[in-house]
Structures are given as structure tokens and as C-alpha cells.
């Protein structure tokens, strides 16, 4: 599953160009991001259970960047205690069940979004040790993930929270080797959308045919378009924390090179 990400937002112009090709839009978005991004915390490594704000483009405002908390709180949740519990269970949403699960059913039909990140992390199990991998675009572009969002109102305080879940699918051939947690039924990865698929994910959904079109986008991403490499420890006593060090390439002697031939 995708529980750890890099949301450093490398270069504003890259995000602008990745969303649209129109020069006027790119200029306007870049200017907007220069101001807006100051209020969005930058992370080299952050875990989903910390519920960081992530950069999203919603189906309602497809050209405007917004910052939503990671961990979807359905609109029907009644109290803050339940909201605190459920947001830890909704960091990810399996694409196969998004139109069935109560937490995701309405967002899947009416509230979809793109989640822009620089990369994500997964841990490979090698014997009794876990080895962290960083996964990012090979061309150093941002990754656009399929997301679901919702809006929850705290009835006690009146606070409005906009939250998001990252949709996952079956892992591609490389991610199967990396994401080999023996406790899981199968290896997964986030749904990464090509540029031409992004607006398709935000399209109106009013019938079963539309649902099938959306699910068709939820496929394993082309492994040749991603870069995969091991990084310093992210958990335990040796953890480097949310620092640039978390993105440094390192080698682990306990990794069997033949088993982990990723190309």
C-alpha cells in the first residue's frame, strides 16, 4: 500500500506544465502556486498516519490546486472521535471496491481528484529486515495519483475538513518484487495516471458504463517509466526522519542482487 510519500513539490513550473499545455494557464498557475505553496508544508518523507496535507486537483475545481488532509473522512461521520479513527483506515482505497465500500461509494461517483506527489516509498522484506525503496518518475516529473475526496463538518466546532484517499491497484512487475510483505494477500501500488488520463479520472460519472471507464484507468503503471532505488532507514532507531537524507541513494548488502534485479 502507499502509506509514505514525498511531497516536496520540486519545481512549480513542472507542476504547471504537467497539468495543462496552455501557456496562459501555466503562467497563471505558476504565479498562484508561488503564493499558495508557502502554506503547504514540504516533506522529504512523511507517513500517511501523520495526515499531512497533499496537493490535489478536484473534479469540481480541476484547474485549481488545493491542500487536503490525507486520510478520508466520509461526510456522514457523526463525531470527532469516529473521524479520528476512520481517517487512519482510509489512507488508501482499493480500486476494486471503491463503488461498493460505504466510505468511498459517494466519492468514487461524485468526488474524485488528482493527488500530486514527487514520489512514494515502499519497504522490501529481506529475511527479518525491511529495506526502504523510493519510487519516482524516471523523467523527474511529478506523479499524478488517482484520489477520492470528501468534506466533513465537525458539528461541535463547525470546522470543515477536506480529506483525500489514494486509490491503489495491483502492483506492476517491479513493485511486486519490492512490495513483498508476507502479511499481505497481494502487492499493491498507487494508481498513477498518465497526463492524458488525468481529466478522464475527473469526468462525470452517472452510470455503470462511466464506472467501468474509471476502473479501466486503475491499472498497474508502466514500470519502465519509474525509477526505484533504496534509501536510508526510515523506521526504527536508525530512521533519518523527514530530511533530505531520506532521498539519498544507498546500497544494502543483505539485498540479493539477482532477486532484486529491477530492470
C-alpha atoms as a PDB file:
ATOM      1  CA  UNK A   1       0.000   0.000   0.000  1.00  0.00           C
ATOM      2  CA  UNK A   2       1.012   3.623  -0.354  1.00  0.00           C
ATOM      3  CA  UNK A   3       1.470   4.971   3.165  1.00  0.00           C
ATOM      4  CA  UNK A   4       4.618   7.095   2.800  1.00  0.00           C
ATOM      5  CA  UNK A   5       5.209   9.868   0.263  1.00  0.00           C
ATOM      6  CA  UNK A   6       7.473  12.708  -0.781  1.00  0.00           C
ATOM      7  CA  UNK A   7       5.504  15.897  -1.274  1.00  0.00           C
ATOM      8  CA  UNK A   8       8.408  18.264  -1.777  1.00  0.00           C
ATOM      9  CA  UNK A   9       6.854  19.784  -4.900  1.00  0.00           C
ATOM     10  CA  UNK A  10      10.114  20.064  -6.801  1.00  0.00           C
ATOM     11  CA  UNK A  11       9.679  22.888  -9.279  1.00  0.00           C
ATOM     12  CA  UNK A  12       6.457  24.849  -9.577  1.00  0.00           C
ATOM     13  CA  UNK A  13       6.737  25.156 -13.337  1.00  0.00           C
ATOM     14  CA  UNK A  14       6.889  21.358 -13.657  1.00  0.00           C
ATOM     15  CA  UNK A  15       3.569  21.036 -11.896  1.00  0.00           C
ATOM     16  CA  UNK A  16       2.047  23.741 -14.058  1.00  0.00           C
ATOM     17  CA  UNK A  17       3.264  22.110 -17.278  1.00  0.00           C
ATOM     18  CA  UNK A  18       2.211  18.678 -16.126  1.00  0.00           C
ATOM     19  CA  UNK A  19      -1.402  19.773 -15.591  1.00  0.00           C
ATOM     20  CA  UNK A  20      -2.007  21.696 -18.826  1.00  0.00           C
ATOM     21  CA  UNK A  21      -0.163  22.606 -22.042  1.00  0.00           C
ATOM     22  CA  UNK A  22      -1.772  26.050 -22.388  1.00  0.00           C
ATOM     23  CA  UNK A  23       0.945  28.737 -21.841  1.00  0.00           C
ATOM     24  CA  UNK A  24      -1.552  31.165 -20.290  1.00  0.00           C
ATOM     25  CA  UNK A  25      -2.732  28.545 -17.821  1.00  0.00           C
ATOM     26  CA  UNK A  26       0.836  27.577 -16.961  1.00  0.00           C
ATOM     27  CA  UNK A  27       1.768  31.196 -16.242  1.00  0.00           C
ATOM     28  CA  UNK A  28      -1.320  31.764 -14.107  1.00  0.00           C
ATOM     29  CA  UNK A  29      -0.905  28.515 -12.165  1.00  0.00           C
ATOM     30  CA  UNK A  30       2.784  29.101 -11.555  1.00  0.00           C
ATOM     31  CA  UNK A  31       2.023  32.538 -10.104  1.00  0.00           C
ATOM     32  CA  UNK A  32      -0.742  31.090  -7.935  1.00  0.00           C
ATOM     33  CA  UNK A  33       1.493  28.290  -6.678  1.00  0.00           C
ATOM     34  CA  UNK A  34       4.253  30.686  -5.675  1.00  0.00           C
ATOM     35  CA  UNK A  35       1.908  32.190  -3.087  1.00  0.00           C
ATOM     36  CA  UNK A  36      -0.213  29.169  -2.278  1.00  0.00           C
ATOM     37  CA  UNK A  37       2.614  26.716  -1.734  1.00  0.00           C
ATOM     38  CA  UNK A  38       4.058  28.762   1.136  1.00  0.00           C
ATOM     39  CA  UNK A  39       1.218  27.494   3.304  1.00  0.00           C
ATOM     40  CA  UNK A  40       1.713  23.849   2.316  1.00  0.00           C
ATOM     41  CA  UNK A  41       4.337  22.003   4.412  1.00  0.00           C
ATOM     42  CA  UNK A  42       7.105  20.447   2.327  1.00  0.00           C
ATOM     43  CA  UNK A  43       8.057  16.856   3.108  1.00  0.00           C
ATOM     44  CA  UNK A  44      11.001  14.744   2.005  1.00  0.00           C
ATOM     45  CA  UNK A  45       9.442  11.769   3.773  1.00  0.00           C
ATOM     46  CA  UNK A  46       6.119  11.729   5.573  1.00  0.00           C
ATOM     47  CA  UNK A  47       3.945   8.871   6.724  1.00  0.00           C
ATOM     48  CA  UNK A  48       0.236   8.828   5.956  1.00  0.00           C
ATOM     49  CA  UNK A  49      -0.728   8.300   9.584  1.00  0.00           C
ATOM     50  CA  UNK A  50       0.568  11.815  10.292  1.00  0.00           C
ATOM     51  CA  UNK A  51      -2.217  13.001   7.964  1.00  0.00           C
ATOM     52  CA  UNK A  52      -0.192  15.611   6.057  1.00  0.00           C
ATOM     53  CA  UNK A  53      -1.747  17.996   3.581  1.00  0.00           C
ATOM     54  CA  UNK A  54      -1.332  16.876  -0.025  1.00  0.00           C
ATOM     55  CA  UNK A  55      -1.719  18.867  -3.232  1.00  0.00           C
ATOM     56  CA  UNK A  56      -4.886  17.942  -5.141  1.00  0.00           C
ATOM     57  CA  UNK A  57      -6.933  18.992  -8.160  1.00  0.00           C
ATOM     58  CA  UNK A  58     -10.594  18.024  -7.737  1.00  0.00           C
ATOM     59  CA  UNK A  59     -13.318  17.288 -10.268  1.00  0.00           C
ATOM     60  CA  UNK A  60     -15.128  20.405  -9.008  1.00  0.00           C
ATOM     61  CA  UNK A  61     -12.068  22.656  -9.439  1.00  0.00           C
ATOM     62  CA  UNK A  62      -9.909  20.751 -11.937  1.00  0.00           C
ATOM     63  CA  UNK A  63      -7.545  23.664 -12.639  1.00  0.00           C
ATOM     64  CA  UNK A  64      -7.089  24.990  -9.107  1.00  0.00           C
ATOM     65  CA  UNK A  65      -4.632  23.412  -6.654  1.00  0.00           C
ATOM     66  CA  UNK A  66      -5.939  22.725  -3.157  1.00  0.00           C
ATOM     67  CA  UNK A  67      -4.464  21.192   0.002  1.00  0.00           C
ATOM     68  CA  UNK A  68      -6.415  18.297   1.561  1.00  0.00           C
ATOM     69  CA  UNK A  69      -5.535  16.176   4.584  1.00  0.00           C
ATOM     70  CA  UNK A  70      -4.515  12.597   3.788  1.00  0.00           C
ATOM     71  CA  UNK A  71      -6.994  10.129   5.285  1.00  0.00           C
ATOM     72  CA  UNK A  72     -10.562  10.425   4.019  1.00  0.00           C
ATOM     73  CA  UNK A  73     -13.321  11.283   6.494  1.00  0.00           C
ATOM     74  CA  UNK A  74     -16.720  10.476   4.950  1.00  0.00           C
ATOM     75  CA  UNK A  75     -19.301  13.250   5.139  1.00  0.00           C
ATOM     76  CA  UNK A  76     -21.648  11.007   7.145  1.00  0.00           C
ATOM     77  CA  UNK A  77     -19.305  10.547  10.131  1.00  0.00           C
ATOM     78  CA  UNK A  78     -21.130  11.824  13.226  1.00  0.00           C
ATOM     79  CA  UNK A  79     -18.407  12.852  15.674  1.00  0.00           C
ATOM     80  CA  UNK A  80     -14.737  13.758  16.038  1.00  0.00           C
ATOM     81  CA  UNK A  81     -13.815  10.511  17.790  1.00  0.00           C
ATOM     82  CA  UNK A  82     -15.118   8.445  14.884  1.00  0.00           C
ATOM     83  CA  UNK A  83     -13.454  10.796  12.396  1.00  0.00           C
ATOM     84  CA  UNK A  84     -10.101  10.330  14.141  1.00  0.00           C
ATOM     85  CA  UNK A  85     -10.429   6.564  13.888  1.00  0.00           C
ATOM     86  CA  UNK A  86     -11.708   6.265  10.344  1.00  0.00           C
ATOM     87  CA  UNK A  87      -9.113   8.562   8.746  1.00  0.00           C
ATOM     88  CA  UNK A  88      -6.429   6.029   9.718  1.00  0.00           C
ATOM     89  CA  UNK A  89      -8.341   3.351   7.817  1.00  0.00           C
ATOM     90  CA  UNK A  90      -8.885   5.342   4.616  1.00  0.00           C
ATOM     91  CA  UNK A  91      -5.390   6.407   3.559  1.00  0.00           C
ATOM     92  CA  UNK A  92      -5.802   4.051   0.606  1.00  0.00           C
ATOM     93  CA  UNK A  93      -8.826   2.818  -1.321  1.00  0.00           C
ATOM     94  CA  UNK A  94      -8.668  -0.406  -3.342  1.00  0.00           C
ATOM     95  CA  UNK A  95      -9.913   0.354  -6.840  1.00  0.00           C
ATOM     96  CA  UNK A  96     -11.789  -2.944  -6.999  1.00  0.00           C
ATOM     97  CA  UNK A  97     -14.169  -1.889  -4.200  1.00  0.00           C
ATOM     98  CA  UNK A  98     -14.445   1.908  -4.419  1.00  0.00           C
ATOM     99  CA  UNK A  99     -18.009   1.750  -5.763  1.00  0.00           C
ATOM    100  CA  UNK A 100     -19.063  -0.674  -3.004  1.00  0.00           C
ATOM    101  CA  UNK A 101     -17.433   0.433   0.267  1.00  0.00           C
ATOM    102  CA  UNK A 102     -19.553   2.895   2.296  1.00  0.00           C
ATOM    103  CA  UNK A 103     -16.620   5.251   2.883  1.00  0.00           C
ATOM    104  CA  UNK A 104     -15.770   5.508  -0.813  1.00  0.00           C
ATOM    105  CA  UNK A 105     -19.037   4.902  -2.671  1.00  0.00           C
ATOM    106  CA  UNK A 106     -20.143   8.534  -2.987  1.00  0.00           C
ATOM    107  CA  UNK A 107     -16.623   9.985  -3.523  1.00  0.00           C
ATOM    108  CA  UNK A 108     -15.999   7.420  -6.287  1.00  0.00           C
ATOM    109  CA  UNK A 109     -19.066   8.681  -8.144  1.00  0.00           C
ATOM    110  CA  UNK A 110     -19.024  12.383  -7.299  1.00  0.00           C
ATOM    111  CA  UNK A 111     -15.728  13.441  -5.678  1.00  0.00           C
ATOM    112  CA  UNK A 112     -12.611  12.300  -7.474  1.00  0.00           C
ATOM    113  CA  UNK A 113      -9.307  14.129  -7.586  1.00  0.00           C
ATOM    114  CA  UNK A 114      -5.689  14.043  -8.682  1.00  0.00           C
ATOM    115  CA  UNK A 115      -3.071  13.845  -5.935  1.00  0.00           C
ATOM    116  CA  UNK A 116       0.280  15.304  -6.972  1.00  0.00           C
ATOM    117  CA  UNK A 117       3.402  13.994  -5.235  1.00  0.00           C
ATOM    118  CA  UNK A 118       7.102  13.808  -6.031  1.00  0.00           C
ATOM    119  CA  UNK A 119       7.368  10.132  -5.141  1.00  0.00           C
ATOM    120  CA  UNK A 120       6.460   7.417  -2.654  1.00  0.00           C
ATOM    121  CA  UNK A 121       8.132   4.756  -0.531  1.00  0.00           C
ATOM    122  CA  UNK A 122       7.655   1.019  -0.051  1.00  0.00           C
ATOM    123  CA  UNK A 123       9.509  -1.460   2.154  1.00  0.00           C
ATOM    124  CA  UNK A 124      11.003  -4.672   0.813  1.00  0.00           C
ATOM    125  CA  UNK A 125      11.209  -7.648   3.185  1.00  0.00           C
ATOM    126  CA  UNK A 126      14.588  -9.379   3.140  1.00  0.00           C
ATOM    127  CA  UNK A 127      14.568 -12.040   5.838  1.00  0.00           C
ATOM    128  CA  UNK A 128      13.952 -10.302   9.162  1.00  0.00           C
ATOM    129  CA  UNK A 129      14.859  -6.884   7.807  1.00  0.00           C
ATOM    130  CA  UNK A 130      12.865  -4.352   5.840  1.00  0.00           C
ATOM    131  CA  UNK A 131      14.611  -2.200   3.261  1.00  0.00           C
ATOM    132  CA  UNK A 132      13.055   1.074   2.078  1.00  0.00           C
ATOM    133  CA  UNK A 133      12.720   1.927  -1.596  1.00  0.00           C
ATOM    134  CA  UNK A 134      11.906   5.306  -3.066  1.00  0.00           C
ATOM    135  CA  UNK A 135       9.816   5.266  -6.245  1.00  0.00           C
ATOM    136  CA  UNK A 136       9.518   8.289  -8.506  1.00  0.00           C
ATOM    137  CA  UNK A 137       9.133   9.261 -12.140  1.00  0.00           C
ATOM    138  CA  UNK A 138      12.158   8.411 -14.245  1.00  0.00           C
ATOM    139  CA  UNK A 139      11.904  11.765 -16.043  1.00  0.00           C
ATOM    140  CA  UNK A 140      11.782  13.659 -12.711  1.00  0.00           C
ATOM    141  CA  UNK A 141       8.200  14.779 -13.280  1.00  0.00           C
ATOM    142  CA  UNK A 142       5.548  14.782 -10.536  1.00  0.00           C
ATOM    143  CA  UNK A 143       3.345  11.731 -10.158  1.00  0.00           C
ATOM    144  CA  UNK A 144      -0.401  12.264 -10.546  1.00  0.00           C
ATOM    145  CA  UNK A 145      -2.264   9.719  -8.435  1.00  0.00           C
ATOM    146  CA  UNK A 146      -5.946   8.861  -8.603  1.00  0.00           C
ATOM    147  CA  UNK A 147      -7.683  10.077  -5.478  1.00  0.00           C
ATOM    148  CA  UNK A 148     -11.072  10.285  -3.773  1.00  0.00           C
ATOM    149  CA  UNK A 149     -12.047  13.209  -1.573  1.00  0.00           C
ATOM    150  CA  UNK A 150     -14.819  14.232   0.772  1.00  0.00           C
ATOM    151  CA  UNK A 151     -15.818  17.120   3.006  1.00  0.00           C
ATOM    152  CA  UNK A 152     -16.660  16.597   6.676  1.00  0.00           C
ATOM    153  CA  UNK A 153     -18.129  19.143   9.082  1.00  0.00           C
ATOM    154  CA  UNK A 154     -17.360  18.906  12.780  1.00  0.00           C
ATOM    155  CA  UNK A 155     -20.784  19.612  14.269  1.00  0.00           C
ATOM    156  CA  UNK A 156     -19.266  20.609  17.622  1.00  0.00           C
ATOM    157  CA  UNK A 157     -16.891  23.253  16.270  1.00  0.00           C
ATOM    158  CA  UNK A 158     -18.171  24.000  12.783  1.00  0.00           C
ATOM    159  CA  UNK A 159     -14.728  23.188  11.349  1.00  0.00           C
ATOM    160  CA  UNK A 160     -14.762  21.918   7.761  1.00  0.00           C
ATOM    161  CA  UNK A 161     -12.178  19.268   6.849  1.00  0.00           C
ATOM    162  CA  UNK A 162     -11.444  18.277   3.260  1.00  0.00           C
ATOM    163  CA  UNK A 163      -9.702  14.946   3.123  1.00  0.00           C
ATOM    164  CA  UNK A 164      -8.395  12.537   0.500  1.00  0.00           C
ATOM    165  CA  UNK A 165      -7.689   8.850  -0.068  1.00  0.00           C
ATOM    166  CA  UNK A 166      -5.219   7.473  -2.626  1.00  0.00           C
ATOM    167  CA  UNK A 167      -6.625   4.782  -4.913  1.00  0.00           C
ATOM    168  CA  UNK A 168      -4.499   1.646  -5.288  1.00  0.00           C
ATOM    169  CA  UNK A 169      -4.337  -1.166  -7.804  1.00  0.00           C
ATOM    170  CA  UNK A 170      -2.376  -4.379  -8.319  1.00  0.00           C
ATOM    171  CA  UNK A 171       1.383  -3.874  -8.445  1.00  0.00           C
ATOM    172  CA  UNK A 172       3.362  -3.886 -11.675  1.00  0.00           C
ATOM    173  CA  UNK A 173       6.112  -6.487 -12.108  1.00  0.00           C
ATOM    174  CA  UNK A 174       8.795  -4.400 -10.388  1.00  0.00           C
ATOM    175  CA  UNK A 175       6.592  -3.338  -7.499  1.00  0.00           C
ATOM    176  CA  UNK A 176       5.700  -6.990  -6.903  1.00  0.00           C
ATOM    177  CA  UNK A 177       9.365  -7.614  -6.138  1.00  0.00           C
ATOM    178  CA  UNK A 178       9.636  -4.592  -3.862  1.00  0.00           C
ATOM    179  CA  UNK A 179       6.301  -4.752  -2.071  1.00  0.00           C
ATOM    180  CA  UNK A 180       6.643  -8.342  -0.883  1.00  0.00           C
ATOM    181  CA  UNK A 181       5.172  -8.088   2.616  1.00  0.00           C
ATOM    182  CA  UNK A 182       4.283 -11.700   3.527  1.00  0.00           C
ATOM    183  CA  UNK A 183       1.337 -10.474   5.629  1.00  0.00           C
ATOM    184  CA  UNK A 184      -0.440  -9.045   2.586  1.00  0.00           C
ATOM    185  CA  UNK A 185      -2.591 -11.001   0.168  1.00  0.00           C
ATOM    186  CA  UNK A 186      -1.016  -9.285  -2.830  1.00  0.00           C
ATOM    187  CA  UNK A 187       1.365  -6.490  -3.742  1.00  0.00           C
ATOM    188  CA  UNK A 188      -0.269  -3.127  -4.446  1.00  0.00           C
ATOM    189  CA  UNK A 189       0.725   0.267  -5.783  1.00  0.00           C
ATOM    190  CA  UNK A 190      -0.996   3.641  -6.169  1.00  0.00           C
ATOM    191  CA  UNK A 191      -2.936   4.286  -9.379  1.00  0.00           C
ATOM    192  CA  UNK A 192      -0.602   6.582 -11.344  1.00  0.00           C
ATOM    193  CA  UNK A 193      -2.259   8.430 -14.206  1.00  0.00           C
ATOM    194  CA  UNK A 194      -0.635   9.449 -17.462  1.00  0.00           C
ATOM    195  CA  UNK A 195      -1.179  13.052 -18.487  1.00  0.00           C
ATOM    196  CA  UNK A 196      -3.886  12.133 -20.983  1.00  0.00           C
ATOM    197  CA  UNK A 197      -5.730  10.098 -18.322  1.00  0.00           C
ATOM    198  CA  UNK A 198      -5.946  12.787 -15.676  1.00  0.00           C
ATOM    199  CA  UNK A 199      -9.022  14.591 -16.986  1.00  0.00           C
ATOM    200  CA  UNK A 200     -10.645  11.229 -17.679  1.00  0.00           C
ATOM    201  CA  UNK A 201     -10.374  10.442 -13.963  1.00  0.00           C
ATOM    202  CA  UNK A 202     -12.180  13.709 -13.178  1.00  0.00           C
ATOM    203  CA  UNK A 203     -15.014  13.097 -15.652  1.00  0.00           C
ATOM    204  CA  UNK A 204     -18.711  12.976 -14.658  1.00  0.00           C
ATOM    205  CA  UNK A 205     -19.893   9.561 -13.521  1.00  0.00           C
ATOM    206  CA  UNK A 206     -23.614   8.884 -13.810  1.00  0.00           C
ATOM    207  CA  UNK A 207     -23.989   5.240 -14.777  1.00  0.00           C
ATOM    208  CA  UNK A 208     -22.378   1.803 -14.771  1.00  0.00           C
ATOM    209  CA  UNK A 209     -20.645   2.462 -18.092  1.00  0.00           C
ATOM    210  CA  UNK A 210     -18.908   5.516 -16.610  1.00  0.00           C
ATOM    211  CA  UNK A 211     -17.857   3.449 -13.599  1.00  0.00           C
ATOM    212  CA  UNK A 212     -16.269   0.858 -15.872  1.00  0.00           C
ATOM    213  CA  UNK A 213     -14.389   3.577 -17.753  1.00  0.00           C
ATOM    214  CA  UNK A 214     -12.998   4.890 -14.484  1.00  0.00           C
ATOM    215  CA  UNK A 215     -11.986   1.426 -13.317  1.00  0.00           C
ATOM    216  CA  UNK A 216     -10.216   0.856 -16.637  1.00  0.00           C
ATOM    217  CA  UNK A 217      -7.833   3.665 -15.644  1.00  0.00           C
ATOM    218  CA  UNK A 218      -6.908   1.816 -12.457  1.00  0.00           C
ATOM    219  CA  UNK A 219      -4.190  -0.362 -13.913  1.00  0.00           C
ATOM    220  CA  UNK A 220      -0.570  -1.041 -12.919  1.00  0.00           C
ATOM    221  CA  UNK A 221       1.685   1.771 -14.120  1.00  0.00           C
ATOM    222  CA  UNK A 222       4.334   1.104 -16.772  1.00  0.00           C
ATOM    223  CA  UNK A 223       7.405   0.057 -14.715  1.00  0.00           C
ATOM    224  CA  UNK A 224       9.802   1.441 -17.348  1.00  0.00           C
ATOM    225  CA  UNK A 225       8.604   4.981 -16.570  1.00  0.00           C
ATOM    226  CA  UNK A 226       9.570   4.780 -12.898  1.00  0.00           C
ATOM    227  CA  UNK A 227      12.856   4.858 -11.008  1.00  0.00           C
ATOM    228  CA  UNK A 228      13.293   2.584  -7.993  1.00  0.00           C
ATOM    229  CA  UNK A 229      16.182   2.808  -5.523  1.00  0.00           C
ATOM    230  CA  UNK A 230      16.992   2.031  -1.912  1.00  0.00           C
ATOM    231  CA  UNK A 231      17.294   4.830   0.649  1.00  0.00           C
ATOM    232  CA  UNK A 232      18.430   5.138   4.291  1.00  0.00           C
ATOM    233  CA  UNK A 233      16.388   3.602   7.101  1.00  0.00           C
ATOM    234  CA  UNK A 234      13.018   5.276   7.525  1.00  0.00           C
ATOM    235  CA  UNK A 235      11.872   3.328  10.588  1.00  0.00           C
ATOM    236  CA  UNK A 236      13.415   2.381  13.912  1.00  0.00           C
ATOM    237  CA  UNK A 237      16.432   3.788  15.746  1.00  0.00           C
ATOM    238  CA  UNK A 238      18.353   4.494  12.533  1.00  0.00           C
ATOM    239  CA  UNK A 239      15.498   6.410  10.898  1.00  0.00           C
ATOM    240  CA  UNK A 240      16.649   9.608   9.192  1.00  0.00           C
ATOM    241  CA  UNK A 241      13.270  11.311   9.541  1.00  0.00           C
ATOM    242  CA  UNK A 242      11.763  13.975   7.316  1.00  0.00           C
ATOM    243  CA  UNK A 243      15.063  15.231   5.921  1.00  0.00           C
ATOM    244  CA  UNK A 244      16.805  15.338   2.525  1.00  0.00           C
ATOM    245  CA  UNK A 245      18.736  12.301   3.718  1.00  0.00           C
ATOM    246  CA  UNK A 246      15.557  10.237   3.194  1.00  0.00           C
ATOM    247  CA  UNK A 247      16.026  10.600  -0.576  1.00  0.00           C
ATOM    248  CA  UNK A 248      19.715   9.667  -0.733  1.00  0.00           C
ATOM    249  CA  UNK A 249      20.589   6.503  -2.643  1.00  0.00           C
ATOM    250  CA  UNK A 250      22.218   3.809  -0.509  1.00  0.00           C
ATOM    251  CA  UNK A 251      23.060   0.134  -1.013  1.00  0.00           C
ATOM    252  CA  UNK A 252      22.197  -2.728   1.326  1.00  0.00           C
ATOM    253  CA  UNK A 253      24.490  -5.781   1.303  1.00  0.00           C
ATOM    254  CA  UNK A 254      21.652  -8.014   2.517  1.00  0.00           C
ATOM    255  CA  UNK A 255      19.749  -7.448  -0.723  1.00  0.00           C
ATOM    256  CA  UNK A 256      20.239 -10.303  -3.146  1.00  0.00           C
ATOM    257  CA  UNK A 257      21.091  -8.536  -6.399  1.00  0.00           C
ATOM    258  CA  UNK A 258      19.761 -11.308  -8.589  1.00  0.00           C
ATOM    259  CA  UNK A 259      16.450 -11.471  -6.740  1.00  0.00           C
ATOM    260  CA  UNK A 260      16.039  -7.696  -6.879  1.00  0.00           C
ATOM    261  CA  UNK A 261      17.064  -7.135 -10.480  1.00  0.00           C
ATOM    262  CA  UNK A 262      14.560  -4.380 -11.144  1.00  0.00           C
ATOM    263  CA  UNK A 263      15.206  -3.651 -14.785  1.00  0.00           C
END
